[in-house]
Amino acid sequence: MKKILLMTAIMVTTCAGNAATEPSAAHTVFVKSLQPAVLLLRAPEASAPQLKQITGDFPLVFVRSAGKLKVGINPNRELMYSILHLTEYSRTLRDGQVHPLAAAVLIELGKFKNHPAVAGLDAGGSLNWKNGLCYDAFSEFPGYFSALPEGRRIHDYDDDFLARVLRGMSKEEKINYLDAYWEQVMDFYRVSGFGEFFLGKAGLYKSYVDSVYGRLPAGDPARLHEDYHGNYGFDNFYVVPSPLNLPPGGSFGGRIGKSIFNFMGYGYDDEDAVKFLILHEFGHSFCNQAVTGHLPEAMKYGFLMRGISAEMSAQAYSGWKTVMYELLVRAVHARLVLKTEGKEAAELFLLR
C-alpha cells in the first residue's frame, strides 16, 4: 500500500493518476450494520405512481433527478443479483456477510435455486464469476434490456463490455450466448413471481433512493466531472443503489452507450460515502478512456506490478491496466476535492 500511495502522490502532482484504497470508514460501518434484526424494520409503502418506470434509455423506478444525474432502482439488476445470490458460489462472494435484503431473497426465492438461470451463473456455468460475468460487467448486463416483463434488448452490446465477458468465445458467440441466457432470466422472472417479490420490497428500495438523493454533493456533480475533463459527451449519469451487490458493499462504475453508471453498494445514509462514490465511480468513465488512449506509454511501467500484484489482486485489480485506471481516477478525485473543498480535504483524501 505504501508503494501505491507514493505512486498516487507522484501522479497527482502531474495531474495523471490514482490508487486502490483500503475500505472506507463508511464501508466498515455498512459491514457492521449487517444484522438479522434489521429484517424486523418496516420501510414505508410505495405508491403506484412511484413504480412507473422510465423505459427509454435505462429502466428505473423511484427516480429522482438533479440535472443529468438520476438516482433510481433498476429492477432488472435486482433480478440478476437475486439469481446470483441463489448460486452456491455466492457463499464465497458473500464471505459470511448476508444483508437483510439478500436474506429475504434466499428465504423467499430459495425454492427456485435449481432453475437454469441460477446454474448458468454458478461455478459450473459459462457465466461463472471467474471467467464469464463479474463485477462491473455483471452490473451492466441487465441494463441492455428493457424493463421486465418485456425484457427486450434495447442496446447493442458495447465492444468493451464484450471484451470482459465469456473468455474464450468469439464476439458472435458471446452475443448469442448472452441473448440466450437472458431468455432464461426472463423465465426465472415469470416462474418465481419476482415482480411480486420486488413490489413487496418497494418501500425499502424507495428509501435507498431518497437517502442517496438527499446526500448528493452540493452543486452539479455531473457538470463537475464534465468541466474538469472537458468531456460533455455523456447524456445520462445514473446512480443505482442496491445492497444486493456482490461482493457485499461492492460499488462499480459502468457505461452503456452514452450513459454512465455508479452501481452503488453501500453508504446510502452516509454523506461522505455518497460523495466519495459519486466522484470515484463516474470518474472511471472519463479516466479509463484517457488511460486507454495512452496505453502503450502506461504499459512501459507494468513491471511495477510485480511488487504489488498480490495486494492488488485481493482488491480485484487483476492487471497493470486496471491499476492504471484506479491510479488516474484517484488522482483526479483528489483534484476535484481540492477544487470543491480545499487543500486540507484533498490531503486527507490521499491518506485514506
Foldseek 3Di string as FASTA:
>chain_A
DVVQLVLLVVCLVVLAWFFDDDDDPQVVVFQVPQDLVCLVDDFDADDPVQQDWDFDQFTFGLWDDDAQEIEGAHVLLVLLLLLQLLEPCVCVFQVPRAHNVNVCSCVQQNVCSPQVLSVCAYPPHLLDCPAAAHDQLSNCLQRQFTHPPVGHRDADDDPVSLVRGRPPDDSVVSVVVSVVSVVSSSVSCVVSVVVVVCSVCVSVRSVLRVLLVVLEDPDHLVVLLCVVLVDPQARHEYEHEDCSDTSGQDWAWQDTPRYIYIHGNGDSNPSVSSHVSSQQRVLLVRSLVVCVVVVVVQCVPQVVCVVCQVVCVVVVQRGSSSRRSNTSSRSVSLVSCCVPPNDVRSVVSSVD
